[in-house]
Amino acid sequence: MQSKISREEVRHVAHLARLDLPEADEVLVTEQMNSLLQYMDALNTVDTSNVEPTTHAIQNRNVFRPDRVLGSLHREAALANAPETDRTSFIVPKVI
């Protein structure tokens, strides 16, 4: 198996990502990355010249409901269950 990425490169990327990667994991990650990169090479051999570019594997449609104007809640009803109000607004603790 030809290596596409070395342990030194894995170590460098781990350092850039601020990851503390033990040596045993360096070996494992290097093997996994090489396996992944070899699979990508296999995918690159597939002829996609007649395939239209897409953003999704399946067609999406808008799943939102249509907008409808509805009545709003009266101020008294909105403030009815509030622990503390000044008759026009909720009174809440200051958050900084």
PDB file of N, CA and C in Angstrom:
ATOM      1  N   MET A   1       0.835  -1.173   0.000  1.00  0.00           N
ATOM      2  CA  MET A   1       0.000   0.000   0.000  1.00  0.00           C
ATOM      3  C   MET A   1       0.886   1.244   0.000  1.00  0.00           C
ATOM      4  N   GLN A   2       0.668   2.081  -0.993  1.00  0.00           N
ATOM      5  CA  GLN A   2       1.458   3.305  -1.111  1.00  0.00           C
ATOM      6  C   GLN A   2       0.915   4.362  -0.160  1.00  0.00           C
ATOM      7  N   SER A   3       1.794   4.970   0.627  1.00  0.00           N
ATOM      8  CA  SER A   3       1.365   5.979   1.590  1.00  0.00           C
ATOM      9  C   SER A   3       1.133   7.308   0.893  1.00  0.00           C
ATOM     10  N   LYS A   4      -0.015   7.903   1.160  1.00  0.00           N
ATOM     11  CA  LYS A   4      -0.343   9.217   0.618  1.00  0.00           C
ATOM     12  C   LYS A   4      -0.024  10.297   1.643  1.00  0.00           C
ATOM     13  N   ILE A   5      -0.025   9.906   2.922  1.00  0.00           N
ATOM     14  CA  ILE A   5       0.231  10.855   3.991  1.00  0.00           C
ATOM     15  C   ILE A   5       1.156  10.180   5.010  1.00  0.00           C
ATOM     16  N   SER A   6       2.108  10.937   5.524  1.00  0.00           N
ATOM     17  CA  SER A   6       3.083  10.362   6.454  1.00  0.00           C
ATOM     18  C   SER A   6       2.683  10.663   7.894  1.00  0.00           C
ATOM     19  N   ARG A   7       3.333   9.960   8.819  1.00  0.00           N
ATOM     20  CA  ARG A   7       3.089  10.213  10.246  1.00  0.00           C
ATOM     21  C   ARG A   7       3.471  11.637  10.615  1.00  0.00           C
ATOM     22  N   GLU A   8       4.517  12.145   9.968  1.00  0.00           N
ATOM     23  CA  GLU A   8       4.943  13.519  10.242  1.00  0.00           C
ATOM     24  C   GLU A   8       3.850  14.510   9.835  1.00  0.00           C
ATOM     25  N   GLU A   9       3.194  14.243   8.689  1.00  0.00           N
ATOM     26  CA  GLU A   9       2.107  15.117   8.256  1.00  0.00           C
ATOM     27  C   GLU A   9       0.909  15.022   9.208  1.00  0.00           C
ATOM     28  N   VAL A  10       0.598  13.822   9.670  1.00  0.00           N
ATOM     29  CA  VAL A  10      -0.480  13.640  10.642  1.00  0.00           C
ATOM     30  C   VAL A  10      -0.127  14.384  11.935  1.00  0.00           C
ATOM     31  N   ARG A  11       1.092  14.262  12.376  1.00  0.00           N
ATOM     32  CA  ARG A  11       1.556  14.944  13.589  1.00  0.00           C
ATOM     33  C   ARG A  11       1.438  16.463  13.417  1.00  0.00           C
ATOM     34  N   HIS A  12       1.819  16.954  12.217  1.00  0.00           N
ATOM     35  CA  HIS A  12       1.761  18.391  11.927  1.00  0.00           C
ATOM     36  C   HIS A  12       0.308  18.890  11.947  1.00  0.00           C
ATOM     37  N   VAL A  13      -0.593  18.154  11.315  1.00  0.00           N
ATOM     38  CA  VAL A  13      -2.004  18.537  11.285  1.00  0.00           C
ATOM     39  C   VAL A  13      -2.594  18.486  12.697  1.00  0.00           C
ATOM     40  N   ALA A  14      -2.229  17.483  13.473  1.00  0.00           N
ATOM     41  CA  ALA A  14      -2.692  17.395  14.858  1.00  0.00           C
ATOM     42  C   ALA A  14      -2.205  18.599  15.655  1.00  0.00           C
ATOM     43  N   HIS A  15      -0.969  18.998  15.422  1.00  0.00           N
ATOM     44  CA  HIS A  15      -0.419  20.168  16.103  1.00  0.00           C
ATOM     45  C   HIS A  15      -1.197  21.424  15.712  1.00  0.00           C
ATOM     46  N   LEU A  16      -1.496  21.592  14.412  1.00  0.00           N
ATOM     47  CA  LEU A  16      -2.249  22.760  13.951  1.00  0.00           C
ATOM     48  C   LEU A  16      -3.655  22.783  14.554  1.00  0.00           C
ATOM     49  N   ALA A  17      -4.238  21.596  14.747  1.00  0.00           N
ATOM     50  CA  ALA A  17      -5.580  21.495  15.324  1.00  0.00           C
ATOM     51  C   ALA A  17      -5.537  21.495  16.847  1.00  0.00           C
ATOM     52  N   ARG A  18      -4.343  21.644  17.395  1.00  0.00           N
ATOM     53  CA  ARG A  18      -4.134  21.644  18.848  1.00  0.00           C
ATOM     54  C   ARG A  18      -4.644  20.355  19.497  1.00  0.00           C
ATOM     55  N   LEU A  19      -4.336  19.241  18.843  1.00  0.00           N
ATOM     56  CA  LEU A  19      -4.703  17.931  19.367  1.00  0.00           C
ATOM     57  C   LEU A  19      -3.473  17.269  19.950  1.00  0.00           C
ATOM     58  N   ASP A  20      -3.618  16.671  21.115  1.00  0.00           N
ATOM     59  CA  ASP A  20      -2.547  15.905  21.728  1.00  0.00           C
ATOM     60  C   ASP A  20      -2.765  14.456  21.310  1.00  0.00           C
ATOM     61  N   LEU A  21      -2.062  14.034  20.281  1.00  0.00           N
ATOM     62  CA  LEU A  21      -2.261  12.713  19.690  1.00  0.00           C
ATOM     63  C   LEU A  21      -1.146  11.774  20.154  1.00  0.00           C
ATOM     64  N   PRO A  22      -1.478  10.750  20.957  1.00  0.00           N
ATOM     65  CA  PRO A  22      -0.455   9.788  21.375  1.00  0.00           C
ATOM     66  C   PRO A  22       0.132   9.062  20.166  1.00  0.00           C
ATOM     67  N   GLU A  23       1.345   8.536  20.317  1.00  0.00           N
ATOM     68  CA  GLU A  23       2.032   7.875  19.196  1.00  0.00           C
ATOM     69  C   GLU A  23       1.221   6.735  18.619  1.00  0.00           C
ATOM     70  N   ALA A  24       0.574   5.939  19.481  1.00  0.00           N
ATOM     71  CA  ALA A  24      -0.231   4.818  18.987  1.00  0.00           C
ATOM     72  C   ALA A  24      -1.360   5.315  18.099  1.00  0.00           C
ATOM     73  N   ASP A  25      -1.951   6.446  18.479  1.00  0.00           N
ATOM     74  CA  ASP A  25      -3.023   7.016  17.667  1.00  0.00           C
ATOM     75  C   ASP A  25      -2.486   7.619  16.373  1.00  0.00           C
ATOM     76  N   GLU A  26      -1.258   8.139  16.397  1.00  0.00           N
ATOM     77  CA  GLU A  26      -0.650   8.654  15.166  1.00  0.00           C
ATOM     78  C   GLU A  26      -0.590   7.569  14.112  1.00  0.00           C
ATOM     79  N   VAL A  27      -0.186   6.383  14.521  1.00  0.00           N
ATOM     80  CA  VAL A  27      -0.090   5.250  13.589  1.00  0.00           C
ATOM     81  C   VAL A  27      -1.484   4.907  13.053  1.00  0.00           C
ATOM     82  N   LEU A  28      -2.465   4.818  13.947  1.00  0.00           N
ATOM     83  CA  LEU A  28      -3.825   4.468  13.553  1.00  0.00           C
ATOM     84  C   LEU A  28      -4.409   5.516  12.612  1.00  0.00           C
ATOM     85  N   VAL A  29      -4.270   6.788  12.953  1.00  0.00           N
ATOM     86  CA  VAL A  29      -4.817   7.865  12.116  1.00  0.00           C
ATOM     87  C   VAL A  29      -4.112   7.896  10.761  1.00  0.00           C
ATOM     88  N   THR A  30      -2.823   7.664  10.742  1.00  0.00           N
ATOM     89  CA  THR A  30      -2.085   7.631   9.473  1.00  0.00           C
ATOM     90  C   THR A  30      -2.620   6.520   8.583  1.00  0.00           C
ATOM     91  N   GLU A  31      -2.828   5.341   9.145  1.00  0.00           N
ATOM     92  CA  GLU A  31      -3.378   4.222   8.367  1.00  0.00           C
ATOM     93  C   GLU A  31      -4.782   4.554   7.861  1.00  0.00           C
ATOM     94  N   GLN A  32      -5.610   5.114   8.725  1.00  0.00           N
ATOM     95  CA  GLN A  32      -6.981   5.447   8.329  1.00  0.00           C
ATOM     96  C   GLN A  32      -7.009   6.521   7.238  1.00  0.00           C
ATOM     97  N   MET A  33      -6.160   7.523   7.376  1.00  0.00           N
ATOM     98  CA  MET A  33      -6.110   8.580   6.367  1.00  0.00           C
ATOM     99  C   MET A  33      -5.621   8.036   5.026  1.00  0.00           C
ATOM    100  N   ASN A  34      -4.612   7.159   5.059  1.00  0.00           N
ATOM    101  CA  ASN A  34      -4.125   6.565   3.819  1.00  0.00           C
ATOM    102  C   ASN A  34      -5.206   5.718   3.155  1.00  0.00           C
ATOM    103  N   SER A  35      -5.967   4.986   3.948  1.00  0.00           N
ATOM    104  CA  SER A  35      -7.065   4.183   3.413  1.00  0.00           C
ATOM    105  C   SER A  35      -8.115   5.082   2.766  1.00  0.00           C
ATOM    106  N   LEU A  36      -8.448   6.154   3.433  1.00  0.00           N
ATOM    107  CA  LEU A  36      -9.428   7.095   2.908  1.00  0.00           C
ATOM    108  C   LEU A  36      -8.938   7.744   1.611  1.00  0.00           C
ATOM    109  N   LEU A  37      -7.690   8.157   1.585  1.00  0.00           N
ATOM    110  CA  LEU A  37      -7.140   8.799   0.396  1.00  0.00           C
ATOM    111  C   LEU A  37      -7.043   7.827  -0.777  1.00  0.00           C
ATOM    112  N   GLN A  38      -6.752   6.555  -0.507  1.00  0.00           N
ATOM    113  CA  GLN A  38      -6.744   5.558  -1.578  1.00  0.00           C
ATOM    114  C   GLN A  38      -8.146   5.360  -2.143  1.00  0.00           C
ATOM    115  N   TYR A  39      -9.148   5.374  -1.270  1.00  0.00           N
ATOM    116  CA  TYR A  39     -10.536   5.252  -1.728  1.00  0.00           C
ATOM    117  C   TYR A  39     -10.895   6.450  -2.599  1.00  0.00           C
ATOM    118  N   MET A  40     -10.450   7.637  -2.222  1.00  0.00           N
ATOM    119  CA  MET A  40     -10.708   8.830  -3.030  1.00  0.00           C
ATOM    120  C   MET A  40     -10.044   8.707  -4.395  1.00  0.00           C
ATOM    121  N   ASP A  41      -8.854   8.126  -4.457  1.00  0.00           N
ATOM    122  CA  ASP A  41      -8.199   7.886  -5.740  1.00  0.00           C
ATOM    123  C   ASP A  41      -9.034   6.962  -6.610  1.00  0.00           C
ATOM    124  N   ALA A  42      -9.631   5.927  -5.998  1.00  0.00           N
ATOM    125  CA  ALA A  42     -10.486   5.011  -6.750  1.00  0.00           C
ATOM    126  C   ALA A  42     -11.711   5.751  -7.280  1.00  0.00           C
ATOM    127  N   LEU A  43     -12.284   6.628  -6.486  1.00  0.00           N
ATOM    128  CA  LEU A  43     -13.434   7.406  -6.946  1.00  0.00           C
ATOM    129  C   LEU A  43     -13.053   8.361  -8.074  1.00  0.00           C
ATOM    130  N   ASN A  44     -11.836   8.868  -8.048  1.00  0.00           N
ATOM    131  CA  ASN A  44     -11.387   9.787  -9.095  1.00  0.00           C
ATOM    132  C   ASN A  44     -11.249   9.115 -10.457  1.00  0.00           C
ATOM    133  N   THR A  45     -11.219   7.796 -10.494  1.00  0.00           N
ATOM    134  CA  THR A  45     -11.107   7.100 -11.781  1.00  0.00           C
ATOM    135  C   THR A  45     -12.464   6.944 -12.465  1.00  0.00           C
ATOM    136  N   VAL A  46     -13.558   7.220 -11.773  1.00  0.00           N
ATOM    137  CA  VAL A  46     -14.899   7.084 -12.346  1.00  0.00           C
ATOM    138  C   VAL A  46     -15.148   8.226 -13.322  1.00  0.00           C
ATOM    139  N   ASP A  47     -15.684   7.875 -14.508  1.00  0.00           N
ATOM    140  CA  ASP A  47     -15.981   8.875 -15.535  1.00  0.00           C
ATOM    141  C   ASP A  47     -17.280   9.590 -15.168  1.00  0.00           C
ATOM    142  N   THR A  48     -17.182  10.866 -14.857  1.00  0.00           N
ATOM    143  CA  THR A  48     -18.357  11.658 -14.502  1.00  0.00           C
ATOM    144  C   THR A  48     -18.616  12.766 -15.521  1.00  0.00           C
ATOM    145  N   SER A  49     -18.058  12.636 -16.715  1.00  0.00           N
ATOM    146  CA  SER A  49     -18.179  13.697 -17.710  1.00  0.00           C
ATOM    147  C   SER A  49     -19.622  13.929 -18.152  1.00  0.00           C
ATOM    148  N   ASN A  50     -20.481  12.906 -18.099  1.00  0.00           N
ATOM    149  CA  ASN A  50     -21.874  13.065 -18.521  1.00  0.00           C
ATOM    150  C   ASN A  50     -22.838  13.205 -17.334  1.00  0.00           C
ATOM    151  N   VAL A  51     -22.308  13.492 -16.171  1.00  0.00           N
ATOM    152  CA  VAL A  51     -23.142  13.624 -14.980  1.00  0.00           C
ATOM    153  C   VAL A  51     -23.279  15.104 -14.656  1.00  0.00           C
ATOM    154  N   GLU A  52     -24.547  15.554 -14.536  1.00  0.00           N
ATOM    155  CA  GLU A  52     -24.788  16.960 -14.207  1.00  0.00           C
ATOM    156  C   GLU A  52     -24.418  17.230 -12.752  1.00  0.00           C
ATOM    157  N   PRO A  53     -23.776  18.344 -12.479  1.00  0.00           N
ATOM    158  CA  PRO A  53     -23.468  18.682 -11.086  1.00  0.00           C
ATOM    159  C   PRO A  53     -24.756  18.910 -10.304  1.00  0.00           C
ATOM    160  N   THR A  54     -24.779  18.471  -9.061  1.00  0.00           N
ATOM    161  CA  THR A  54     -25.938  18.659  -8.209  1.00  0.00           C
ATOM    162  C   THR A  54     -25.488  19.122  -6.830  1.00  0.00           C
ATOM    163  N   THR A  55     -26.419  19.684  -6.092  1.00  0.00           N
ATOM    164  CA  THR A  55     -26.116  20.065  -4.713  1.00  0.00           C
ATOM    165  C   THR A  55     -26.680  19.048  -3.739  1.00  0.00           C
ATOM    166  N   HIS A  56     -27.666  18.253  -4.187  1.00  0.00           N
ATOM    167  CA  HIS A  56     -28.290  17.240  -3.351  1.00  0.00           C
ATOM    168  C   HIS A  56     -28.467  15.967  -4.164  1.00  0.00           C
ATOM    169  N   ALA A  57     -28.444  14.838  -3.493  1.00  0.00           N
ATOM    170  CA  ALA A  57     -28.627  13.564  -4.173  1.00  0.00           C
ATOM    171  C   ALA A  57     -30.066  13.390  -4.658  1.00  0.00           C
ATOM    172  N   ILE A  58     -31.006  14.013  -3.948  1.00  0.00           N
ATOM    173  CA  ILE A  58     -32.408  13.955  -4.350  1.00  0.00           C
ATOM    174  C   ILE A  58     -32.946  15.369  -4.466  1.00  0.00           C
ATOM    175  N   GLN A  59     -33.999  15.534  -5.241  1.00  0.00           N
ATOM    176  CA  GLN A  59     -34.589  16.856  -5.394  1.00  0.00           C
ATOM    177  C   GLN A  59     -35.268  17.279  -4.102  1.00  0.00           C
ATOM    178  N   ASN A  60     -34.990  18.470  -3.664  1.00  0.00           N
ATOM    179  CA  ASN A  60     -35.633  19.016  -2.466  1.00  0.00           C
ATOM    180  C   ASN A  60     -36.748  19.954  -2.893  1.00  0.00           C
ATOM    181  N   ARG A  61     -37.740  20.053  -2.042  1.00  0.00           N
ATOM    182  CA  ARG A  61     -38.791  21.031  -2.276  1.00  0.00           C
ATOM    183  C   ARG A  61     -38.999  21.787  -0.983  1.00  0.00           C
ATOM    184  N   ASN A  62     -39.580  22.951  -1.098  1.00  0.00           N
ATOM    185  CA  ASN A  62     -39.833  23.763   0.074  1.00  0.00           C
ATOM    186  C   ASN A  62     -40.894  23.078   0.931  1.00  0.00           C
ATOM    187  N   VAL A  63     -40.574  22.822   2.175  1.00  0.00           N
ATOM    188  CA  VAL A  63     -41.503  22.141   3.074  1.00  0.00           C
ATOM    189  C   VAL A  63     -42.174  23.114   4.044  1.00  0.00           C
ATOM    190  N   PHE A  64     -41.974  24.396   3.838  1.00  0.00           N
ATOM    191  CA  PHE A  64     -42.588  25.389   4.712  1.00  0.00           C
ATOM    192  C   PHE A  64     -44.045  25.604   4.340  1.00  0.00           C
ATOM    193  N   ARG A  65     -44.836  25.926   5.317  1.00  0.00           N
ATOM    194  CA  ARG A  65     -46.238  26.226   5.053  1.00  0.00           C
ATOM    195  C   ARG A  65     -46.322  27.631   4.460  1.00  0.00           C
ATOM    196  N   PRO A  66     -47.391  27.932   3.760  1.00  0.00           N
ATOM    197  CA  PRO A  66     -47.539  29.295   3.231  1.00  0.00           C
ATOM    198  C   PRO A  66     -47.732  30.284   4.375  1.00  0.00           C
ATOM    199  N   ASP A  67     -47.251  31.500   4.191  1.00  0.00           N
ATOM    200  CA  ASP A  67     -47.422  32.540   5.203  1.00  0.00           C
ATOM    201  C   ASP A  67     -48.883  32.962   5.265  1.00  0.00           C
ATOM    202  N   ARG A  68     -49.375  33.116   6.497  1.00  0.00           N
ATOM    203  CA  ARG A  68     -50.744  33.603   6.699  1.00  0.00           C
ATOM    204  C   ARG A  68     -50.704  34.647   7.809  1.00  0.00           C
ATOM    205  N   VAL A  69     -51.435  35.712   7.613  1.00  0.00           N
ATOM    206  CA  VAL A  69     -51.521  36.733   8.647  1.00  0.00           C
ATOM    207  C   VAL A  69     -52.539  36.249   9.669  1.00  0.00           C
ATOM    208  N   LEU A  70     -52.102  36.164  10.912  1.00  0.00           N
ATOM    209  CA  LEU A  70     -52.972  35.732  12.000  1.00  0.00           C
ATOM    210  C   LEU A  70     -53.068  36.846  13.023  1.00  0.00           C
ATOM    211  N   GLY A  71     -54.067  36.782  13.834  1.00  0.00           N
ATOM    212  CA  GLY A  71     -54.208  37.764  14.894  1.00  0.00           C
ATOM    213  C   GLY A  71     -53.101  37.603  15.920  1.00  0.00           C
ATOM    214  N   SER A  72     -52.719  38.716  16.527  1.00  0.00           N
ATOM    215  CA  SER A  72     -51.664  38.647  17.536  1.00  0.00           C
ATOM    216  C   SER A  72     -52.286  38.557  18.924  1.00  0.00           C
ATOM    217  N   LEU A  73     -51.474  38.215  19.883  1.00  0.00           N
ATOM    218  CA  LEU A  73     -51.902  38.074  21.263  1.00  0.00           C
ATOM    219  C   LEU A  73     -52.012  39.466  21.890  1.00  0.00           C
ATOM    220  N   HIS A  74     -53.070  39.714  22.600  1.00  0.00           N
ATOM    221  CA  HIS A  74     -53.217  41.008  23.277  1.00  0.00           C
ATOM    222  C   HIS A  74     -52.193  41.098  24.401  1.00  0.00           C
ATOM    223  N   ARG A  75     -51.764  42.308  24.662  1.00  0.00           N
ATOM    224  CA  ARG A  75     -50.722  42.538  25.662  1.00  0.00           C
ATOM    225  C   ARG A  75     -51.105  41.945  27.015  1.00  0.00           C
ATOM    226  N   GLU A  76     -52.333  42.130  27.436  1.00  0.00           N
ATOM    227  CA  GLU A  76     -52.766  41.621  28.739  1.00  0.00           C
ATOM    228  C   GLU A  76     -52.643  40.102  28.801  1.00  0.00           C
ATOM    229  N   ALA A  77     -53.018  39.431  27.730  1.00  0.00           N
ATOM    230  CA  ALA A  77     -52.938  37.970  27.688  1.00  0.00           C
ATOM    231  C   ALA A  77     -51.486  37.509  27.689  1.00  0.00           C
ATOM    232  N   ALA A  78     -50.613  38.235  26.979  1.00  0.00           N
ATOM    233  CA  ALA A  78     -49.200  37.863  26.922  1.00  0.00           C
ATOM    234  C   ALA A  78     -48.539  38.019  28.289  1.00  0.00           C
ATOM    235  N   LEU A  79     -48.926  39.054  29.018  1.00  0.00           N
ATOM    236  CA  LEU A  79     -48.306  39.329  30.313  1.00  0.00           C
ATOM    237  C   LEU A  79     -49.005  38.639  31.480  1.00  0.00           C
ATOM    238  N   ALA A  80     -50.116  37.965  31.231  1.00  0.00           N
ATOM    239  CA  ALA A  80     -50.944  37.391  32.296  1.00  0.00           C
ATOM    240  C   ALA A  80     -50.178  36.432  33.198  1.00  0.00           C
ATOM    241  N   ASN A  81     -49.310  35.591  32.668  1.00  0.00           N
ATOM    242  CA  ASN A  81     -48.599  34.598  33.477  1.00  0.00           C
ATOM    243  C   ASN A  81     -47.171  34.995  33.804  1.00  0.00           C
ATOM    244  N   ALA A  82     -46.801  36.229  33.502  1.00  0.00           N
ATOM    245  CA  ALA A  82     -45.436  36.679  33.771  1.00  0.00           C
ATOM    246  C   ALA A  82     -45.233  36.864  35.265  1.00  0.00           C
ATOM    247  N   PRO A  83     -44.074  36.462  35.806  1.00  0.00           N
ATOM    248  CA  PRO A  83     -43.825  36.646  37.228  1.00  0.00           C
ATOM    249  C   PRO A  83     -43.812  38.119  37.642  1.00  0.00           C
ATOM    250  N   GLU A  84     -43.332  38.998  36.724  1.00  0.00           N
ATOM    251  CA  GLU A  84     -43.261  40.411  37.072  1.00  0.00           C
ATOM    252  C   GLU A  84     -43.390  41.239  35.796  1.00  0.00           C
ATOM    253  N   THR A  85     -44.230  42.264  35.833  1.00  0.00           N
ATOM    254  CA  THR A  85     -44.414  43.152  34.678  1.00  0.00           C
ATOM    255  C   THR A  85     -44.528  44.583  35.170  1.00  0.00           C
ATOM    256  N   ASP A  86     -44.480  45.519  34.224  1.00  0.00           N
ATOM    257  CA  ASP A  86     -44.781  46.924  34.536  1.00  0.00           C
ATOM    258  C   ASP A  86     -46.032  47.354  33.757  1.00  0.00           C
ATOM    259  N   ARG A  87     -46.880  46.377  33.444  1.00  0.00           N
ATOM    260  CA  ARG A  87     -48.137  46.496  32.698  1.00  0.00           C
ATOM    261  C   ARG A  87     -47.942  46.651  31.193  1.00  0.00           C
ATOM    262  N   THR A  88     -46.705  46.900  30.732  1.00  0.00           N
ATOM    263  CA  THR A  88     -46.454  46.995  29.288  1.00  0.00           C
ATOM    264  C   THR A  88     -45.380  46.018  28.836  1.00  0.00           C
ATOM    265  N   SER A  89     -44.499  45.596  29.758  1.00  0.00           N
ATOM    266  CA  SER A  89     -43.361  44.746  29.396  1.00  0.00           C
ATOM    267  C   SER A  89     -43.091  43.726  30.490  1.00  0.00           C
ATOM    268  N   PHE A  90     -42.342  42.697  30.124  1.00  0.00           N
ATOM    269  CA  PHE A  90     -41.843  41.747  31.106  1.00  0.00           C
ATOM    270  C   PHE A  90     -40.709  42.415  31.870  1.00  0.00           C
ATOM    271  N   ILE A  91     -40.605  42.156  33.159  1.00  0.00           N
ATOM    272  CA  ILE A  91     -39.467  42.615  33.930  1.00  0.00           C
ATOM    273  C   ILE A  91     -38.623  41.381  34.227  1.00  0.00           C
ATOM    274  N   VAL A  92     -37.362  41.441  33.788  1.00  0.00           N
ATOM    275  CA  VAL A  92     -36.455  40.312  33.941  1.00  0.00           C
ATOM    276  C   VAL A  92     -35.139  40.800  34.538  1.00  0.00           C
ATOM    277  N   PRO A  93     -34.374  39.878  35.133  1.00  0.00           N
ATOM    278  CA  PRO A  93     -33.068  40.280  35.683  1.00  0.00           C
ATOM    279  C   PRO A  93     -32.139  40.742  34.568  1.00  0.00           C
ATOM    280  N   LYS A  94     -31.293  41.699  34.875  1.00  0.00           N
ATOM    281  CA  LYS A  94     -30.314  42.198  33.916  1.00  0.00           C
ATOM    282  C   LYS A  94     -29.279  41.096  33.663  1.00  0.00           C
ATOM    283  N   VAL A  95     -28.994  40.841  32.397  1.00  0.00           N
ATOM    284  CA  VAL A  95     -28.020  39.823  32.023  1.00  0.00           C
ATOM    285  C   VAL A  95     -26.885  40.504  31.269  1.00  0.00           C
ATOM    286  N   ILE A  96     -25.682  40.301  31.761  1.00  0.00           N
ATOM    287  CA  ILE A  96     -24.520  40.926  31.112  1.00  0.00           C
ATOM    288  C   ILE A  96     -23.650  39.837  30.525  1.00  0.00           C
TER     289      ILE A  96
END
